[in-house]
C-alpha atoms as a PDB file:
ATOM      1  CA  MET A   1     101.481 136.010  23.823  1.00  0.00           C
ATOM      2  CA  SER A   2     103.870 135.561  26.748  1.00  0.00           C
ATOM      3  CA  ARG A   3     105.870 132.403  27.132  1.00  0.00           C
ATOM      4  CA  SER A   4     105.530 130.259  30.205  1.00  0.00           C
ATOM      5  CA  ARG A   5     108.620 128.628  31.660  1.00  0.00           C
ATOM      6  CA  ILE A   6     108.687 125.296  33.444  1.00  0.00           C
ATOM      7  CA  ILE A   7     111.379 124.629  36.057  1.00  0.00           C
ATOM      8  CA  ARG A   8     112.078 121.150  37.337  1.00  0.00           C
ATOM      9  CA  LEU A   9     111.731 121.129  41.142  1.00  0.00           C
ATOM     10  CA  ASP A  10     114.433 118.479  41.501  1.00  0.00           C
ATOM     11  CA  ASN A  11     116.926 120.947  39.984  1.00  0.00           C
ATOM     12  CA  LEU A  12     116.387 123.536  42.713  1.00  0.00           C
ATOM     13  CA  GLN A  13     118.986 123.775  45.485  1.00  0.00           C
ATOM     14  CA  GLN A  14     117.784 124.204  49.052  1.00  0.00           C
ATOM     15  CA  PHE A  15     119.359 127.017  51.077  1.00  0.00           C
ATOM     16  CA  THR A  16     119.525 127.736  54.786  1.00  0.00           C
ATOM     17  CA  ALA A  17     118.408 131.144  56.008  1.00  0.00           C
ATOM     18  CA  ILE A  18     120.789 132.960  58.338  1.00  0.00           C
ATOM     19  CA  ASN A  19     119.502 135.333  60.981  1.00  0.00           C
ATOM     20  CA  VAL A  20     122.268 137.951  61.180  1.00  0.00           C
ATOM     21  CA  LEU A  21     120.806 139.300  64.440  1.00  0.00           C
ATOM     22  CA  SER A  22     121.050 135.979  66.286  1.00  0.00           C
ATOM     23  CA  ASP A  23     123.929 135.161  68.629  1.00  0.00           C
ATOM     24  CA  PRO A  24     124.818 131.472  68.297  1.00  0.00           C
ATOM     25  CA  GLY A  25     127.158 131.636  71.309  1.00  0.00           C
ATOM     26  CA  HIS A  26     124.487 132.931  73.680  1.00  0.00           C
ATOM     27  CA  ILE A  27     123.551 130.670  76.591  1.00  0.00           C
ATOM     28  CA  SER A  28     119.971 131.171  77.759  1.00  0.00           C
ATOM     29  CA  GLY A  29     119.012 131.552  81.385  1.00  0.00           C
ATOM     30  CA  PRO A  30     120.331 133.781  84.204  1.00  0.00           C
ATOM     31  CA  VAL A  31     123.812 135.243  83.749  1.00  0.00           C
ATOM     32  CA  VAL A  32     126.097 133.772  86.420  1.00  0.00           C
ATOM     33  CA  ILE A  33     129.672 135.027  86.858  1.00  0.00           C
ATOM     34  CA  PRO A  34     131.390 133.829  90.036  1.00  0.00           C
ATOM     35  CA  GLY A  35     132.693 136.599  92.281  1.00  0.00           C
ATOM     36  CA  VAL A  36     130.970 139.433  90.363  1.00  0.00           C
ATOM     37  CA  MET A  37     128.208 141.818  91.379  1.00  0.00           C
ATOM     38  CA  GLU A  38     125.972 143.976  89.208  1.00  0.00           C
ATOM     39  CA  ILE A  39     125.930 147.698  90.035  1.00  0.00           C
ATOM     40  CA  ARG A  40     123.027 149.581  88.487  1.00  0.00           C
ATOM     41  CA  LEU A  41     122.997 153.348  88.297  1.00  0.00           C
ATOM     42  CA  THR A  42     119.353 154.456  88.282  1.00  0.00           C
ATOM     43  CA  TRP A  43     117.960 157.596  86.635  1.00  0.00           C
ATOM     44  CA  SER A  44     114.626 159.385  86.416  1.00  0.00           C
ATOM     45  CA  LEU A  45     113.573 160.966  83.125  1.00  0.00           C
ATOM     46  CA  THR A  46     111.291 163.904  82.451  1.00  0.00           C
ATOM     47  CA  ASP A  47     108.240 161.832  81.467  1.00  0.00           C
ATOM     48  CA  GLY A  48     108.457 159.650  84.579  1.00  0.00           C
ATOM     49  CA  LYS A  49     110.344 156.790  82.983  1.00  0.00           C
ATOM     50  CA  ALA A  50     113.325 155.178  84.675  1.00  0.00           C
ATOM     51  CA  ALA A  51     116.662 154.495  82.981  1.00  0.00           C
ATOM     52  CA  PHE A  52     119.534 152.258  84.079  1.00  0.00           C
ATOM     53  CA  ASN A  53     123.256 151.794  83.511  1.00  0.00           C
ATOM     54  CA  VAL A  54     124.410 148.259  84.312  1.00  0.00           C
ATOM     55  CA  LEU A  55     128.005 148.124  85.588  1.00  0.00           C
ATOM     56  CA  HIS A  56     129.945 145.316  87.253  1.00  0.00           C
ATOM     57  CA  ALA A  57     132.491 144.833  90.004  1.00  0.00           C
ATOM     58  CA  ARG A  58     134.514 141.852  91.180  1.00  0.00           C
ATOM     59  CA  TYR A  59     134.542 141.040  94.878  1.00  0.00           C
ATOM     60  CA  THR A  60     136.689 138.781  97.023  1.00  0.00           C
ATOM     61  CA  ALA A  61     135.480 136.174  99.514  1.00  0.00           C
ATOM     62  CA  GLY A  62     131.708 136.283 100.098  1.00  0.00           C
ATOM     63  CA  PHE A  63     129.245 138.691  98.499  1.00  0.00           C
ATOM     64  CA  PRO A  64     129.696 142.021 100.364  1.00  0.00           C
ATOM     65  CA  GLY A  65     126.635 143.900  99.122  1.00  0.00           C
ATOM     66  CA  ASN A  66     124.316 145.582 101.634  1.00  0.00           C
ATOM     67  CA  VAL A  67     122.349 148.824 101.956  1.00  0.00           C
ATOM     68  CA  ALA A  68     125.317 150.597 103.544  1.00  0.00           C
ATOM     69  CA  MET A  69     127.496 149.805 100.509  1.00  0.00           C
ATOM     70  CA  ALA A  70     124.742 150.868  98.108  1.00  0.00           C
ATOM     71  CA  ASN A  71     124.361 154.143 100.008  1.00  0.00           C
ATOM     72  CA  ALA A  72     128.125 154.790  99.986  1.00  0.00           C
ATOM     73  CA  LEU A  73     128.303 154.242  96.228  1.00  0.00           C
ATOM     74  CA  ALA A  74     125.189 156.358  95.607  1.00  0.00           C
ATOM     75  CA  THR A  75     126.597 159.208  97.716  1.00  0.00           C
ATOM     76  CA  GLY A  76     130.011 159.182  96.042  1.00  0.00           C
ATOM     77  CA  ILE A  77     128.646 158.904  92.516  1.00  0.00           C
ATOM     78  CA  GLY A  78     125.940 161.454  93.345  1.00  0.00           C
ATOM     79  CA  ASN A  79     128.569 163.952  94.516  1.00  0.00           C
ATOM     80  CA  ALA A  80     130.437 163.474  91.234  1.00  0.00           C
ATOM     81  CA  TYR A  81     127.181 163.895  89.313  1.00  0.00           C
ATOM     82  CA  THR A  82     126.558 167.236  91.039  1.00  0.00           C
ATOM     83  CA  ALA A  83     130.098 168.446  90.421  1.00  0.00           C
ATOM     84  CA  ASP A  84     130.574 167.209  86.850  1.00  0.00           C
ATOM     85  CA  ILE A  85     127.380 167.032  84.786  1.00  0.00           C
ATOM     86  CA  ALA A  86     124.320 168.242  86.742  1.00  0.00           C
ATOM     87  CA  LEU A  87     124.724 171.683  85.147  1.00  0.00           C
ATOM     88  CA  HIS A  88     123.971 170.108  81.751  1.00  0.00           C
ATOM     89  CA  GLN A  89     121.176 167.843  82.993  1.00  0.00           C
ATOM     90  CA  ALA A  90     117.440 168.543  82.841  1.00  0.00           C
ATOM     91  CA  SER A  91     115.987 169.641  86.187  1.00  0.00           C
ATOM     92  CA  THR A  92     112.975 167.393  85.527  1.00  0.00           C
ATOM     93  CA  GLY A  93     115.109 164.261  85.968  1.00  0.00           C
ATOM     94  CA  GLY A  94     118.410 163.130  87.380  1.00  0.00           C
ATOM     95  CA  PHE A  95     120.500 160.516  89.176  1.00  0.00           C
ATOM     96  CA  THR A  96     118.375 158.558  91.652  1.00  0.00           C
ATOM     97  CA  GLY A  97     120.662 155.965  93.208  1.00  0.00           C
ATOM     98  CA  VAL A  98     122.378 152.590  93.033  1.00  0.00           C
ATOM     99  CA  GLN A  99     121.165 148.992  93.025  1.00  0.00           C
ATOM    100  CA  LEU A 100     123.402 146.015  93.833  1.00  0.00           C
ATOM    101  CA  ARG A 101     122.842 142.370  92.903  1.00  0.00           C
ATOM    102  CA  ASP A 102     125.060 139.327  93.231  1.00  0.00           C
ATOM    103  CA  ILE A 103     125.458 137.510  89.900  1.00  0.00           C
ATOM    104  CA  GLY A 104     127.813 134.927  91.372  1.00  0.00           C
ATOM    105  CA  LEU A 105     124.633 132.916  91.918  1.00  0.00           C
ATOM    106  CA  PRO A 106     121.395 132.922  89.880  1.00  0.00           C
ATOM    107  CA  ASP A 107     118.295 134.914  90.821  1.00  0.00           C
ATOM    108  CA  GLN A 108     119.689 136.906  93.739  1.00  0.00           C
ATOM    109  CA  PRO A 109     117.716 139.864  95.235  1.00  0.00           C
ATOM    110  CA  ILE A 110     118.312 143.533  94.440  1.00  0.00           C
ATOM    111  CA  ILE A 111     119.746 145.748  97.182  1.00  0.00           C
ATOM    112  CA  ALA A 112     118.793 149.403  96.622  1.00  0.00           C
ATOM    113  CA  SER A 113     120.278 152.587  98.060  1.00  0.00           C
ATOM    114  CA  THR A 114     118.056 154.771 100.244  1.00  0.00           C
ATOM    115  CA  THR A 115     119.874 158.096  99.878  1.00  0.00           C
ATOM    116  CA  GLY A 116     117.353 159.887  97.635  1.00  0.00           C
ATOM    117  CA  GLY A 117     117.776 161.350  94.166  1.00  0.00           C
ATOM    118  CA  ILE A 118     119.601 164.371  92.753  1.00  0.00           C
ATOM    119  CA  LEU A 119     117.981 166.465  90.029  1.00  0.00           C
ATOM    120  CA  GLY A 120     119.835 168.200  87.241  1.00  0.00           C
ATOM    121  CA  THR A 121     120.313 171.954  87.491  1.00  0.00           C
ATOM    122  CA  SER A 122     120.198 173.087  83.849  1.00  0.00           C
ATOM    123  CA  THR A 123     117.918 175.970  82.902  1.00  0.00           C
ATOM    124  CA  GLY A 124     117.228 174.266  79.550  1.00  0.00           C
ATOM    125  CA  THR A 125     114.442 171.871  78.676  1.00  0.00           C
ATOM    126  CA  ALA A 126     114.990 168.124  78.475  1.00  0.00           C
ATOM    127  CA  LEU A 127     116.229 166.547  75.259  1.00  0.00           C
ATOM    128  CA  PRO A 128     114.377 163.406  74.064  1.00  0.00           C
ATOM    129  CA  ASP A 129     114.685 160.430  76.411  1.00  0.00           C
ATOM    130  CA  GLU A 130     116.624 158.318  73.918  1.00  0.00           C
ATOM    131  CA  MET A 131     119.476 160.824  73.509  1.00  0.00           C
ATOM    132  CA  ALA A 132     122.556 159.773  75.455  1.00  0.00           C
ATOM    133  CA  ALA A 133     126.219 160.646  75.847  1.00  0.00           C
ATOM    134  CA  VAL A 134     128.610 157.716  76.046  1.00  0.00           C
ATOM    135  CA  ILE A 135     131.434 156.887  78.433  1.00  0.00           C
ATOM    136  CA  THR A 136     133.695 154.119  77.089  1.00  0.00           C
ATOM    137  CA  LEU A 137     135.240 151.549  79.433  1.00  0.00           C
ATOM    138  CA  ARG A 138     138.540 149.947  78.415  1.00  0.00           C
ATOM    139  CA  SER A 139     140.426 146.980  79.791  1.00  0.00           C
ATOM    140  CA  ALA A 140     143.994 145.900  79.041  1.00  0.00           C
ATOM    141  CA  ASN A 141     142.693 143.575  76.278  1.00  0.00           C
ATOM    142  CA  THR A 142     141.496 144.426  72.777  1.00  0.00           C
ATOM    143  CA  GLY A 143     138.361 143.460  70.886  1.00  0.00           C
ATOM    144  CA  PRO A 144     134.624 144.120  71.381  1.00  0.00           C
ATOM    145  CA  SER A 145     134.318 141.872  74.437  1.00  0.00           C
ATOM    146  CA  ALA A 146     137.131 143.742  76.202  1.00  0.00           C
ATOM    147  CA  ARG A 147     135.407 147.105  76.391  1.00  0.00           C
ATOM    148  CA  GLY A 148     132.094 148.522  77.562  1.00  0.00           C
ATOM    149  CA  ARG A 149     129.857 151.575  77.324  1.00  0.00           C
ATOM    150  CA  ILE A 150     127.770 153.651  79.720  1.00  0.00           C
ATOM    151  CA  TYR A 151     124.913 155.568  78.051  1.00  0.00           C
ATOM    152  CA  ILE A 152     124.203 158.575  80.284  1.00  0.00           C
ATOM    153  CA  PRO A 153     120.645 159.990  79.890  1.00  0.00           C
ATOM    154  CA  ASN A 154     118.678 163.106  80.948  1.00  0.00           C
ATOM    155  CA  TRP A 155     120.500 165.843  79.030  1.00  0.00           C
ATOM    156  CA  ALA A 156     119.100 169.347  78.596  1.00  0.00           C
ATOM    157  CA  THR A 157     119.183 171.699  75.619  1.00  0.00           C
ATOM    158  CA  THR A 158     122.089 173.577  77.233  1.00  0.00           C
ATOM    159  CA  ALA A 159     124.255 170.504  76.466  1.00  0.00           C
ATOM    160  CA  LEU A 160     123.517 170.859  72.745  1.00  0.00           C
ATOM    161  CA  GLY A 161     126.354 172.561  70.881  1.00  0.00           C
ATOM    162  CA  ALA A 162     126.531 174.155  67.433  1.00  0.00           C
ATOM    163  CA  GLY A 163     126.184 171.583  64.669  1.00  0.00           C
ATOM    164  CA  GLY A 164     124.192 169.215  66.859  1.00  0.00           C
ATOM    165  CA  VAL A 165     127.134 167.919  68.877  1.00  0.00           C
ATOM    166  CA  ILE A 166     127.642 167.817  72.647  1.00  0.00           C
ATOM    167  CA  VAL A 167     128.869 171.129  74.013  1.00  0.00           C
ATOM    168  CA  ALA A 168     132.529 171.102  75.114  1.00  0.00           C
ATOM    169  CA  GLY A 169     131.797 171.691  78.809  1.00  0.00           C
ATOM    170  CA  ALA A 170     129.498 168.676  78.947  1.00  0.00           C
ATOM    171  CA  VAL A 171     132.117 166.474  77.245  1.00  0.00           C
ATOM    172  CA  THR A 172     134.719 167.513  79.809  1.00  0.00           C
ATOM    173  CA  GLY A 173     132.309 166.973  82.696  1.00  0.00           C
ATOM    174  CA  LEU A 174     131.276 163.583  81.346  1.00  0.00           C
ATOM    175  CA  GLY A 175     134.907 162.475  81.224  1.00  0.00           C
ATOM    176  CA  SER A 176     135.362 163.480  84.863  1.00  0.00           C
ATOM    177  CA  PHE A 177     132.128 161.714  85.830  1.00  0.00           C
ATOM    178  CA  GLY A 178     133.266 158.460  84.206  1.00  0.00           C
ATOM    179  CA  ALA A 179     136.596 158.581  86.038  1.00  0.00           C
ATOM    180  CA  ALA A 180     134.770 159.277  89.310  1.00  0.00           C
ATOM    181  CA  ILE A 181     132.492 156.256  88.874  1.00  0.00           C
ATOM    182  CA  ARG A 182     135.505 153.973  88.465  1.00  0.00           C
ATOM    183  CA  SER A 183     137.344 155.591  91.377  1.00  0.00           C
ATOM    184  CA  GLN A 184     134.322 155.321  93.664  1.00  0.00           C
ATOM    185  CA  ILE A 185     133.783 151.632  92.911  1.00  0.00           C
ATOM    186  CA  ASN A 186     137.480 150.784  93.309  1.00  0.00           C
ATOM    187  CA  ALA A 187     137.636 152.754  96.576  1.00  0.00           C
ATOM    188  CA  THR A 188     134.809 150.644  98.053  1.00  0.00           C
ATOM    189  CA  PRO A 189     136.413 147.509  99.574  1.00  0.00           C
ATOM    190  CA  PRO A 190     136.556 144.785  98.336  1.00  0.00           C
ATOM    191  CA  LEU A 191     135.364 145.910  94.884  1.00  0.00           C
ATOM    192  CA  THR A 192     137.188 146.276  91.563  1.00  0.00           C
ATOM    193  CA  MET A 193     135.299 147.679  88.572  1.00  0.00           C
ATOM    194  CA  VAL A 194     135.266 145.144  85.734  1.00  0.00           C
ATOM    195  CA  ILE A 195     133.781 144.341  82.348  1.00  0.00           C
ATOM    196  CA  ALA A 196     131.652 141.227  82.847  1.00  0.00           C
ATOM    197  CA  LEU A 197     132.097 138.319  80.422  1.00  0.00           C
ATOM    198  CA  PRO A 198     129.185 135.849  80.525  1.00  0.00           C
ATOM    199  CA  ALA A 199     129.877 132.245  79.557  1.00  0.00           C
ATOM    200  CA  ARG A 200     129.435 131.489  75.853  1.00  0.00           C
ATOM    201  CA  ALA A 201     128.840 128.229  74.026  1.00  0.00           C
ATOM    202  CA  ALA A 202     131.093 126.950  71.258  1.00  0.00           C
ATOM    203  CA  TYR A 203     129.731 127.473  67.749  1.00  0.00           C
ATOM    204  CA  THR A 204     130.702 127.548  64.086  1.00  0.00           C
ATOM    205  CA  GLY A 205     130.197 130.886  62.369  1.00  0.00           C
ATOM    206  CA  SER A 206     128.466 131.434  59.032  1.00  0.00           C
ATOM    207  CA  THR A 207     131.872 131.471  57.275  1.00  0.00           C
ATOM    208  CA  GLY A 208     132.911 128.187  58.861  1.00  0.00           C
ATOM    209  CA  THR A 209     135.116 129.632  61.584  1.00  0.00           C
ATOM    210  CA  ALA A 210     135.050 127.578  64.796  1.00  0.00           C
ATOM    211  CA  HIS A 211     134.586 129.688  67.926  1.00  0.00           C
ATOM    212  CA  PRO A 212     135.525 127.870  71.163  1.00  0.00           C
ATOM    213  CA  ALA A 213     133.440 127.979  74.322  1.00  0.00           C
ATOM    214  CA  ARG A 214     134.285 130.747  76.799  1.00  0.00           C
ATOM    215  CA  PRO A 215     133.918 130.375  80.556  1.00  0.00           C
ATOM    216  CA  ALA A 216     132.394 133.206  82.582  1.00  0.00           C
ATOM    217  CA  GLY A 217     134.918 135.781  83.768  1.00  0.00           C
ATOM    218  CA  SER A 218     135.733 139.469  84.023  1.00  0.00           C
ATOM    219  CA  LEU A 219     138.338 142.039  82.959  1.00  0.00           C
ATOM    220  CA  ASP A 220     139.487 144.957  85.104  1.00  0.00           C
ATOM    221  CA  VAL A 221     138.440 148.375  83.796  1.00  0.00           C
ATOM    222  CA  GLN A 222     141.753 150.183  83.256  1.00  0.00           C
ATOM    223  CA  THR A 223     140.404 153.516  82.081  1.00  0.00           C
ATOM    224  CA  THR A 224     137.246 155.452  81.215  1.00  0.00           C
ATOM    225  CA  LEU A 225     137.053 158.033  78.456  1.00  0.00           C
ATOM    226  CA  VAL A 226     134.717 160.043  76.244  1.00  0.00           C
ATOM    227  CA  ARG A 227     135.852 159.293  72.694  1.00  0.00           C
ATOM    228  CA  ASP A 228     133.975 162.049  70.845  1.00  0.00           C
ATOM    229  CA  ASN A 229     131.327 164.755  71.121  1.00  0.00           C
ATOM    230  CA  HIS A 230     128.614 162.898  69.188  1.00  0.00           C
ATOM    231  CA  TRP A 231     125.219 162.029  70.600  1.00  0.00           C
ATOM    232  CA  ASP A 232     124.241 158.377  70.810  1.00  0.00           C
ATOM    233  CA  SER A 233     120.825 156.888  71.443  1.00  0.00           C
ATOM    234  CA  GLN A 234     119.036 154.213  73.440  1.00  0.00           C
ATOM    235  CA  ARG A 235     115.819 153.674  71.483  1.00  0.00           C
ATOM    236  CA  ARG A 236     114.105 151.698  74.244  1.00  0.00           C
ATOM    237  CA  ARG A 237     114.174 154.831  76.405  1.00  0.00           C
ATOM    238  CA  GLY A 238     112.300 156.806  73.755  1.00  0.00           C
ATOM    239  CA  LEU A 239     108.714 157.940  73.664  1.00  0.00           C
ATOM    240  CA  ARG A 240     106.151 155.363  72.490  1.00  0.00           C
END
């Protein structure tokens, strides 16, 4: 016969669950960073989905965004796309343009380029939507908040190297493309490419460390680079 065991409820200690995925410093609502605009690179994928890369630039004086600026950025970045990575991109998708939005104020409208898209020129078939190659953005500071990433989509099987890595030519082209994006933004007055830093609330971490509040701001992007030849993924772009 098995023994039953009685435990006094008043001897039990209550514990607090911790959600390790939550961000206690996050401030809900629209992201507002004075003097900063959002620059979205837009992409079409083989199955008709759209993909986006969200970049940022600081501006001086009033918000300068208009269709002419969006078209100039789309043309310059599109030319770099054609020269640097289109050869490794699926011909069933490609770079489609640029969208601008002022985040110096909440809920501002999107300003889209009207230049038209550029398809990839690879003879290979498209890799899965979620597969991406990453360009890293670095500022003069260190730490996770001082760097960024651009996940470039729409790769073809010709970009797939032995061992499942990114073929060397695509890595080289991607590095040139990242540098061209930064150069094009910085060459468009009065813009400077930055890493955006939304405001964060003060909080105490799970280990008791006090994290002070951080005002909204931005850090200049000093360099772009491709750190390795490994594929990354954006699961929300994948098939469902």
